Amino acid sequence: MSVLKGELKVGNNGSIELRFQDDSNESKTFGIGKSILTASLYKSHKNNPQALNGLDVEFELDNNQPCRVREVGGIFQARPRPKTVNPNVFHNPYNFVPALPRNNITGELGDRKPIGHGRYHANHWTGRIAVKLTTITPLLIPDASEMEEDAQGHKTFPTRLDAQGKPYLPPTSLRGMLRSAYEAVTNSRLSVLDPHDMRLAYRMPAQMGLEMVPARIENNEIKLYPGTSDIGRDGRPQGPMYAAWLPFYNR
């Protein structure tokens, strides 16, 4: 890559422009990020952005994009990589304060194997949290299911309403706020996370679905219900898809 010369212009908000003339003597201006500055220029911009205003620099073009910006006659030096963080150290994502080790904490606030929410468990609590919410600033509750779009592609979303015609705030929005506050105050994790050694769901290909035969356990034996079709050697039905006849009751 050829080396070109240009001039840096720094705005009042710290934004950087690179102005130069290409091989055809055509003036060009590119907005650039700090990441392509050499380490010394990056540090100068961090301490005093205006110190780079009007500075003559050298740079290179990669796919017509400026890169490796450095002082005239200088050598480009990449910024040192940030220090790595021990992945075993837990940082609370709500206040970014490192959590203290919990190895020696016992009792009700200690860590234990999560209890599932699939059923009620003996010697464990269940309940609900009643919340009264007062909005202080305007609150937008769009109803995406009732969205309308005009000929110009402008989308209009009405307010989401409940069965009584009142604005409806999804409970999941409140649950997220309560969960954040609870985890920040107790410095804990509210979620119930079982091991992820099994996938939550799997949608098989349509061709494999044709080989699924309804079955039930009768007298400790598996009885297949292929319906009106015979089971082929490849597992697929020799006719309509497999189906089981199920009795129903008239009320």
C-alpha atoms as a PDB file:
ATOM      1  CA  MET A   1       0.000   0.000   0.000  1.00  0.00           C
ATOM      2  CA  SER A   2       1.245   3.468  -0.917  1.00  0.00           C
ATOM      3  CA  VAL A   3       1.782   6.120   1.754  1.00  0.00           C
ATOM      4  CA  LEU A   4      -0.223   9.340   1.432  1.00  0.00           C
ATOM      5  CA  LYS A   5      -0.104  12.610   3.317  1.00  0.00           C
ATOM      6  CA  GLY A   6      -3.014  14.534   4.737  1.00  0.00           C
ATOM      7  CA  GLU A   7      -4.237  16.847   7.467  1.00  0.00           C
ATOM      8  CA  LEU A   8      -6.398  16.117  10.515  1.00  0.00           C
ATOM      9  CA  LYS A   9      -9.343  18.324  11.447  1.00  0.00           C
ATOM     10  CA  VAL A  10     -10.954  17.851  14.850  1.00  0.00           C
ATOM     11  CA  GLY A  11     -14.479  19.074  15.603  1.00  0.00           C
ATOM     12  CA  ASN A  12     -15.712  20.537  18.859  1.00  0.00           C
ATOM     13  CA  ASN A  13     -17.162  17.158  19.823  1.00  0.00           C
ATOM     14  CA  GLY A  14     -13.860  15.354  19.194  1.00  0.00           C
ATOM     15  CA  SER A  15     -14.807  13.920  15.798  1.00  0.00           C
ATOM     16  CA  ILE A  16     -11.883  13.528  13.391  1.00  0.00           C
ATOM     17  CA  GLU A  17     -11.712  14.268   9.659  1.00  0.00           C
ATOM     18  CA  LEU A  18      -8.826  13.372   7.379  1.00  0.00           C
ATOM     19  CA  ARG A  19      -8.344  15.724   4.435  1.00  0.00           C
ATOM     20  CA  PHE A  20      -5.987  14.912   1.586  1.00  0.00           C
ATOM     21  CA  GLN A  21      -5.496  14.878  -2.166  1.00  0.00           C
ATOM     22  CA  ASP A  22      -5.486  11.578  -4.025  1.00  0.00           C
ATOM     23  CA  ASP A  23      -3.253  10.615  -6.952  1.00  0.00           C
ATOM     24  CA  SER A  24      -5.542  12.607  -9.280  1.00  0.00           C
ATOM     25  CA  ASN A  25      -5.066  15.747  -7.142  1.00  0.00           C
ATOM     26  CA  GLU A  26      -8.723  15.525  -6.142  1.00  0.00           C
ATOM     27  CA  SER A  27      -9.459  16.811  -2.637  1.00  0.00           C
ATOM     28  CA  LYS A  28     -11.120  14.275  -0.367  1.00  0.00           C
ATOM     29  CA  THR A  29     -12.368  14.259   3.190  1.00  0.00           C
ATOM     30  CA  PHE A  30     -12.962  11.149   5.289  1.00  0.00           C
ATOM     31  CA  GLY A  31     -14.432  10.894   8.742  1.00  0.00           C
ATOM     32  CA  ILE A  32     -12.212   8.493  10.669  1.00  0.00           C
ATOM     33  CA  GLY A  33     -12.324   6.787  14.032  1.00  0.00           C
ATOM     34  CA  LYS A  34      -9.695   6.833  16.752  1.00  0.00           C
ATOM     35  CA  SER A  35      -9.019   3.140  16.258  1.00  0.00           C
ATOM     36  CA  ILE A  36      -6.887   3.745  13.128  1.00  0.00           C
ATOM     37  CA  LEU A  37      -4.623   6.285  14.843  1.00  0.00           C
ATOM     38  CA  THR A  38      -1.139   5.304  15.912  1.00  0.00           C
ATOM     39  CA  ALA A  39      -0.700   4.855  19.658  1.00  0.00           C
ATOM     40  CA  SER A  40       0.830   8.309  20.264  1.00  0.00           C
ATOM     41  CA  LEU A  41      -1.931  10.123  18.336  1.00  0.00           C
ATOM     42  CA  TYR A  42      -4.600   8.065  20.072  1.00  0.00           C
ATOM     43  CA  LYS A  43      -3.193   9.095  23.444  1.00  0.00           C
ATOM     44  CA  SER A  44      -3.008  12.740  22.403  1.00  0.00           C
ATOM     45  CA  HIS A  45      -6.623  12.701  21.259  1.00  0.00           C
ATOM     46  CA  LYS A  46      -7.687  11.118  24.530  1.00  0.00           C
ATOM     47  CA  ASN A  47      -5.967  13.828  26.603  1.00  0.00           C
ATOM     48  CA  ASN A  48      -6.696  16.823  24.368  1.00  0.00           C
ATOM     49  CA  PRO A  49      -8.559  16.215  21.076  1.00  0.00           C
ATOM     50  CA  GLN A  50      -7.833  19.710  19.757  1.00  0.00           C
ATOM     51  CA  ALA A  51      -4.094  18.990  19.900  1.00  0.00           C
ATOM     52  CA  LEU A  52      -4.551  17.020  16.654  1.00  0.00           C
ATOM     53  CA  ASN A  53      -6.408  19.804  14.839  1.00  0.00           C
ATOM     54  CA  GLY A  54      -4.424  20.848  11.749  1.00  0.00           C
ATOM     55  CA  LEU A  55      -1.764  18.169  12.270  1.00  0.00           C
ATOM     56  CA  ASP A  56      -0.027  16.834   9.148  1.00  0.00           C
ATOM     57  CA  VAL A  57      -0.039  13.037   9.039  1.00  0.00           C
ATOM     58  CA  GLU A  58       0.793  10.084   6.868  1.00  0.00           C
ATOM     59  CA  PHE A  59      -1.558   7.193   6.226  1.00  0.00           C
ATOM     60  CA  GLU A  60      -2.343   4.312   3.910  1.00  0.00           C
ATOM     61  CA  LEU A  61      -5.425   3.279   1.962  1.00  0.00           C
ATOM     62  CA  ASP A  62      -6.979  -0.161   2.263  1.00  0.00           C
ATOM     63  CA  ASN A  63      -9.908  -0.712  -0.134  1.00  0.00           C
ATOM     64  CA  ASN A  64     -10.061   3.076  -0.534  1.00  0.00           C
ATOM     65  CA  GLN A  65     -10.416   3.506   3.235  1.00  0.00           C
ATOM     66  CA  PRO A  66      -7.765   5.332   5.332  1.00  0.00           C
ATOM     67  CA  CYS A  67      -5.824   3.254   7.828  1.00  0.00           C
ATOM     68  CA  ARG A  68      -2.617   3.308   9.885  1.00  0.00           C
ATOM     69  CA  VAL A  69      -2.646   7.086  10.461  1.00  0.00           C
ATOM     70  CA  ARG A  70       0.626   8.331  11.997  1.00  0.00           C
ATOM     71  CA  GLU A  71       2.894  11.341  12.301  1.00  0.00           C
ATOM     72  CA  VAL A  72       4.810  12.417   9.196  1.00  0.00           C
ATOM     73  CA  GLY A  73       7.954  10.294   9.044  1.00  0.00           C
ATOM     74  CA  GLY A  74       6.789   8.160  11.951  1.00  0.00           C
ATOM     75  CA  ILE A  75       6.123   4.443  12.245  1.00  0.00           C
ATOM     76  CA  PHE A  76       2.627   3.189  12.945  1.00  0.00           C
ATOM     77  CA  GLN A  77       2.331   1.524  16.342  1.00  0.00           C
ATOM     78  CA  ALA A  78      -0.881  -0.201  17.307  1.00  0.00           C
ATOM     79  CA  ARG A  79      -2.345   0.533  20.712  1.00  0.00           C
ATOM     80  CA  PRO A  80      -1.601  -2.112  23.355  1.00  0.00           C
ATOM     81  CA  ARG A  81      -4.451  -4.529  23.874  1.00  0.00           C
ATOM     82  CA  PRO A  82      -6.491  -4.086  27.057  1.00  0.00           C
ATOM     83  CA  LYS A  83      -5.661  -6.345  29.943  1.00  0.00           C
ATOM     84  CA  THR A  84      -7.496  -9.638  29.971  1.00  0.00           C
ATOM     85  CA  VAL A  85      -9.997 -10.266  32.748  1.00  0.00           C
ATOM     86  CA  ASN A  86     -10.259 -13.517  34.645  1.00  0.00           C
ATOM     87  CA  PRO A  87     -13.474 -15.100  33.308  1.00  0.00           C
ATOM     88  CA  ASN A  88     -14.086 -16.702  36.694  1.00  0.00           C
ATOM     89  CA  VAL A  89     -14.596 -13.293  38.328  1.00  0.00           C
ATOM     90  CA  PHE A  90     -18.287 -12.412  38.425  1.00  0.00           C
ATOM     91  CA  HIS A  91     -19.200  -8.768  37.756  1.00  0.00           C
ATOM     92  CA  ASN A  92     -22.697  -7.611  38.536  1.00  0.00           C
ATOM     93  CA  PRO A  93     -23.983  -6.253  35.190  1.00  0.00           C
ATOM     94  CA  TYR A  94     -26.180  -3.656  36.897  1.00  0.00           C
ATOM     95  CA  ASN A  95     -23.590  -1.667  38.835  1.00  0.00           C
ATOM     96  CA  PHE A  96     -20.277  -3.049  37.487  1.00  0.00           C
ATOM     97  CA  VAL A  97     -18.964  -3.595  41.005  1.00  0.00           C
ATOM     98  CA  PRO A  98     -17.074  -6.903  41.381  1.00  0.00           C
ATOM     99  CA  ALA A  99     -18.896  -9.342  43.619  1.00  0.00           C
ATOM    100  CA  LEU A 100     -17.142 -10.719  46.669  1.00  0.00           C
ATOM    101  CA  PRO A 101     -16.334 -14.450  46.709  1.00  0.00           C
ATOM    102  CA  ARG A 102     -19.324 -16.538  47.835  1.00  0.00           C
ATOM    103  CA  ASN A 103     -17.518 -19.774  48.611  1.00  0.00           C
ATOM    104  CA  ASN A 104     -17.893 -19.466  52.396  1.00  0.00           C
ATOM    105  CA  ILE A 105     -21.474 -18.148  52.438  1.00  0.00           C
ATOM    106  CA  THR A 106     -23.962 -20.618  53.874  1.00  0.00           C
ATOM    107  CA  GLY A 107     -27.583 -20.484  54.961  1.00  0.00           C
ATOM    108  CA  GLU A 108     -30.439 -18.876  53.082  1.00  0.00           C
ATOM    109  CA  LEU A 109     -28.119 -16.509  51.162  1.00  0.00           C
ATOM    110  CA  GLY A 110     -25.689 -19.231  50.090  1.00  0.00           C
ATOM    111  CA  ASP A 111     -25.524 -20.818  46.662  1.00  0.00           C
ATOM    112  CA  ARG A 112     -27.289 -24.106  46.064  1.00  0.00           C
ATOM    113  CA  LYS A 113     -28.575 -26.251  43.225  1.00  0.00           C
ATOM    114  CA  PRO A 114     -31.424 -24.403  41.442  1.00  0.00           C
ATOM    115  CA  ILE A 115     -34.983 -25.557  42.118  1.00  0.00           C
ATOM    116  CA  GLY A 116     -37.118 -25.885  38.993  1.00  0.00           C
ATOM    117  CA  HIS A 117     -40.373 -24.007  38.481  1.00  0.00           C
ATOM    118  CA  GLY A 118     -42.138 -26.914  36.802  1.00  0.00           C
ATOM    119  CA  ARG A 119     -44.011 -27.950  39.962  1.00  0.00           C
ATOM    120  CA  TYR A 120     -44.474 -27.068  43.636  1.00  0.00           C
ATOM    121  CA  HIS A 121     -41.734 -28.364  45.921  1.00  0.00           C
ATOM    122  CA  ALA A 122     -42.013 -29.244  49.586  1.00  0.00           C
ATOM    123  CA  ASN A 123     -40.289 -26.852  52.017  1.00  0.00           C
ATOM    124  CA  HIS A 124     -40.033 -24.135  49.343  1.00  0.00           C
ATOM    125  CA  TRP A 125     -41.955 -20.927  48.901  1.00  0.00           C
ATOM    126  CA  THR A 126     -44.104 -19.763  46.025  1.00  0.00           C
ATOM    127  CA  GLY A 127     -46.040 -16.553  45.637  1.00  0.00           C
ATOM    128  CA  ARG A 128     -46.512 -13.350  43.713  1.00  0.00           C
ATOM    129  CA  ILE A 129     -45.352  -9.759  43.951  1.00  0.00           C
ATOM    130  CA  ALA A 130     -48.015  -7.032  43.740  1.00  0.00           C
ATOM    131  CA  VAL A 131     -46.732  -3.808  42.200  1.00  0.00           C
ATOM    132  CA  LYS A 132     -48.351  -0.362  41.921  1.00  0.00           C
ATOM    133  CA  LEU A 133     -46.828   1.668  39.100  1.00  0.00           C
ATOM    134  CA  THR A 134     -47.034   5.418  38.634  1.00  0.00           C
ATOM    135  CA  THR A 135     -45.695   6.844  35.384  1.00  0.00           C
ATOM    136  CA  ILE A 136     -43.767  10.111  35.758  1.00  0.00           C
ATOM    137  CA  THR A 137     -42.698  10.595  32.141  1.00  0.00           C
ATOM    138  CA  PRO A 138     -44.603   9.717  28.928  1.00  0.00           C
ATOM    139  CA  LEU A 139     -44.764   5.968  28.368  1.00  0.00           C
ATOM    140  CA  LEU A 140     -45.079   4.412  24.902  1.00  0.00           C
ATOM    141  CA  ILE A 141     -46.896   1.065  24.744  1.00  0.00           C
ATOM    142  CA  PRO A 142     -47.176   0.232  21.015  1.00  0.00           C
ATOM    143  CA  ASP A 143     -49.351  -2.630  19.802  1.00  0.00           C
ATOM    144  CA  ALA A 144     -47.344  -4.243  17.002  1.00  0.00           C
ATOM    145  CA  SER A 145     -50.178  -6.636  16.118  1.00  0.00           C
ATOM    146  CA  GLU A 146     -52.427  -3.696  15.103  1.00  0.00           C
ATOM    147  CA  MET A 147     -49.788  -1.819  13.124  1.00  0.00           C
ATOM    148  CA  GLU A 148     -50.952   0.034   9.995  1.00  0.00           C
ATOM    149  CA  GLU A 149     -48.787   1.086   7.061  1.00  0.00           C
ATOM    150  CA  ASP A 150     -49.688   3.779   4.521  1.00  0.00           C
ATOM    151  CA  ALA A 151     -48.751   4.003   0.853  1.00  0.00           C
ATOM    152  CA  GLN A 152     -45.481   5.781   1.682  1.00  0.00           C
ATOM    153  CA  GLY A 153     -44.403   2.961   4.012  1.00  0.00           C
ATOM    154  CA  HIS A 154     -45.002   4.979   7.197  1.00  0.00           C
ATOM    155  CA  LYS A 155     -46.014   2.698  10.062  1.00  0.00           C
ATOM    156  CA  THR A 156     -48.483   3.705  12.765  1.00  0.00           C
ATOM    157  CA  PHE A 157     -48.746   1.761  16.027  1.00  0.00           C
ATOM    158  CA  PRO A 158     -51.803   2.187  18.277  1.00  0.00           C
ATOM    159  CA  THR A 159     -51.609   1.952  22.052  1.00  0.00           C
ATOM    160  CA  ARG A 160     -51.852  -1.575  23.366  1.00  0.00           C
ATOM    161  CA  LEU A 161     -55.080  -2.011  25.369  1.00  0.00           C
ATOM    162  CA  ASP A 162     -56.386  -4.695  27.714  1.00  0.00           C
ATOM    163  CA  ALA A 163     -59.840  -6.300  27.727  1.00  0.00           C
ATOM    164  CA  GLN A 164     -61.276  -3.281  29.573  1.00  0.00           C
ATOM    165  CA  GLY A 165     -59.883  -0.852  27.000  1.00  0.00           C
ATOM    166  CA  LYS A 166     -57.176   0.501  29.305  1.00  0.00           C
ATOM    167  CA  PRO A 167     -53.484   0.865  28.345  1.00  0.00           C
ATOM    168  CA  TYR A 168     -51.770  -2.484  28.878  1.00  0.00           C
ATOM    169  CA  LEU A 169     -48.146  -2.643  30.046  1.00  0.00           C
ATOM    170  CA  PRO A 170     -46.668  -6.120  29.424  1.00  0.00           C
ATOM    171  CA  PRO A 171     -45.832  -7.855  32.724  1.00  0.00           C
ATOM    172  CA  THR A 172     -42.473  -8.928  31.303  1.00  0.00           C
ATOM    173  CA  SER A 173     -41.378  -5.282  31.270  1.00  0.00           C
ATOM    174  CA  LEU A 174     -42.067  -4.940  34.991  1.00  0.00           C
ATOM    175  CA  ARG A 175     -40.510  -8.291  35.715  1.00  0.00           C
ATOM    176  CA  GLY A 176     -37.256  -7.168  34.115  1.00  0.00           C
ATOM    177  CA  MET A 177     -37.093  -4.063  36.317  1.00  0.00           C
ATOM    178  CA  LEU A 178     -37.898  -6.000  39.491  1.00  0.00           C
ATOM    179  CA  ARG A 179     -35.388  -8.678  38.617  1.00  0.00           C
ATOM    180  CA  SER A 180     -32.668  -6.074  38.049  1.00  0.00           C
ATOM    181  CA  ALA A 181     -33.384  -4.416  41.396  1.00  0.00           C
ATOM    182  CA  TYR A 182     -33.521  -7.730  43.256  1.00  0.00           C
ATOM    183  CA  GLU A 183     -30.237  -8.994  41.818  1.00  0.00           C
ATOM    184  CA  ALA A 184     -28.496  -5.666  42.484  1.00  0.00           C
ATOM    185  CA  VAL A 185     -29.703  -5.440  46.096  1.00  0.00           C
ATOM    186  CA  THR A 186     -29.046  -9.080  47.031  1.00  0.00           C
ATOM    187  CA  ASN A 187     -25.962  -9.450  44.771  1.00  0.00           C
ATOM    188  CA  SER A 188     -27.409 -12.720  43.519  1.00  0.00           C
ATOM    189  CA  ARG A 189     -28.827 -14.356  40.413  1.00  0.00           C
ATOM    190  CA  LEU A 190     -32.582 -14.762  40.324  1.00  0.00           C
ATOM    191  CA  SER A 191     -32.734 -16.950  37.229  1.00  0.00           C
ATOM    192  CA  VAL A 192     -33.216 -20.703  37.412  1.00  0.00           C
ATOM    193  CA  LEU A 193     -30.605 -22.104  35.062  1.00  0.00           C
ATOM    194  CA  ASP A 194     -30.451 -25.863  34.627  1.00  0.00           C
ATOM    195  CA  PRO A 195     -27.472 -27.458  32.865  1.00  0.00           C
ATOM    196  CA  HIS A 196     -27.509 -26.848  29.116  1.00  0.00           C
ATOM    197  CA  ASP A 197     -26.460 -30.340  28.106  1.00  0.00           C
ATOM    198  CA  MET A 198     -29.809 -30.875  26.350  1.00  0.00           C
ATOM    199  CA  ARG A 199     -31.318 -28.637  23.695  1.00  0.00           C
ATOM    200  CA  LEU A 200     -34.598 -26.961  24.555  1.00  0.00           C
ATOM    201  CA  ALA A 201     -36.320 -27.838  21.293  1.00  0.00           C
ATOM    202  CA  TYR A 202     -35.626 -29.401  17.943  1.00  0.00           C
ATOM    203  CA  ARG A 203     -37.615 -29.105  14.750  1.00  0.00           C
ATOM    204  CA  MET A 204     -36.884 -32.114  12.613  1.00  0.00           C
ATOM    205  CA  PRO A 205     -36.868 -31.950   8.801  1.00  0.00           C
ATOM    206  CA  ALA A 206     -40.206 -32.593   7.131  1.00  0.00           C
ATOM    207  CA  GLN A 207     -38.998 -35.869   5.608  1.00  0.00           C
ATOM    208  CA  MET A 208     -38.106 -37.210   9.057  1.00  0.00           C
ATOM    209  CA  GLY A 209     -41.535 -36.153  10.325  1.00  0.00           C
ATOM    210  CA  LEU A 210     -43.144 -38.517   7.831  1.00  0.00           C
ATOM    211  CA  GLU A 211     -41.526 -41.416   9.675  1.00  0.00           C
ATOM    212  CA  MET A 212     -43.094 -40.547  13.040  1.00  0.00           C
ATOM    213  CA  VAL A 213     -45.702 -43.136  13.984  1.00  0.00           C
ATOM    214  CA  PRO A 214     -48.210 -42.427  16.792  1.00  0.00           C
ATOM    215  CA  ALA A 215     -47.893 -44.949  19.621  1.00  0.00           C
ATOM    216  CA  ARG A 216     -49.152 -45.641  23.121  1.00  0.00           C
ATOM    217  CA  ILE A 217     -48.255 -48.016  25.947  1.00  0.00           C
ATOM    218  CA  GLU A 218     -50.798 -50.804  26.383  1.00  0.00           C
ATOM    219  CA  ASN A 219     -50.206 -53.598  28.894  1.00  0.00           C
ATOM    220  CA  ASN A 220     -46.545 -52.569  29.195  1.00  0.00           C
ATOM    221  CA  GLU A 221     -46.066 -52.885  25.443  1.00  0.00           C
ATOM    222  CA  ILE A 222     -45.712 -50.318  22.697  1.00  0.00           C
ATOM    223  CA  LYS A 223     -48.583 -50.365  20.221  1.00  0.00           C
ATOM    224  CA  LEU A 224     -48.210 -48.429  16.969  1.00  0.00           C
ATOM    225  CA  TYR A 225     -51.120 -46.584  15.377  1.00  0.00           C
ATOM    226  CA  PRO A 226     -50.212 -45.967  11.728  1.00  0.00           C
ATOM    227  CA  GLY A 227     -53.824 -45.235  10.737  1.00  0.00           C
ATOM    228  CA  THR A 228     -54.827 -46.435   7.284  1.00  0.00           C
ATOM    229  CA  SER A 229     -51.272 -46.632   5.936  1.00  0.00           C
ATOM    230  CA  ASP A 230     -48.781 -49.468   6.085  1.00  0.00           C
ATOM    231  CA  ILE A 231     -45.293 -48.777   7.446  1.00  0.00           C
ATOM    232  CA  GLY A 232     -42.789 -48.908   4.608  1.00  0.00           C
ATOM    233  CA  ARG A 233     -39.331 -50.419   4.817  1.00  0.00           C
ATOM    234  CA  ASP A 234     -37.827 -46.932   4.876  1.00  0.00           C
ATOM    235  CA  GLY A 235     -40.171 -45.944   7.702  1.00  0.00           C
ATOM    236  CA  ARG A 236     -42.358 -43.764   5.523  1.00  0.00           C
ATOM    237  CA  PRO A 237     -46.103 -44.386   5.127  1.00  0.00           C
ATOM    238  CA  GLN A 238     -47.380 -46.279   2.102  1.00  0.00           C
ATOM    239  CA  GLY A 239     -50.234 -43.822   1.639  1.00  0.00           C
ATOM    240  CA  PRO A 240     -51.500 -40.926   3.790  1.00  0.00           C
ATOM    241  CA  MET A 241     -49.443 -39.769   6.755  1.00  0.00           C
ATOM    242  CA  TYR A 242     -49.625 -41.856   9.900  1.00  0.00           C
ATOM    243  CA  ALA A 243     -52.522 -40.901  12.158  1.00  0.00           C
ATOM    244  CA  ALA A 244     -54.124 -42.340  15.267  1.00  0.00           C
ATOM    245  CA  TRP A 245     -57.860 -42.507  15.846  1.00  0.00           C
ATOM    246  CA  LEU A 246     -58.735 -40.861  19.145  1.00  0.00           C
ATOM    247  CA  PRO A 247     -62.139 -41.253  20.820  1.00  0.00           C
ATOM    248  CA  PHE A 248     -63.987 -38.150  21.981  1.00  0.00           C
ATOM    249  CA  TYR A 249     -67.080 -37.588  24.044  1.00  0.00           C
ATOM    250  CA  ASN A 250     -70.207 -35.601  23.239  1.00  0.00           C
ATOM    251  CA  ARG A 251     -71.361 -33.299  25.993  1.00  0.00           C
END
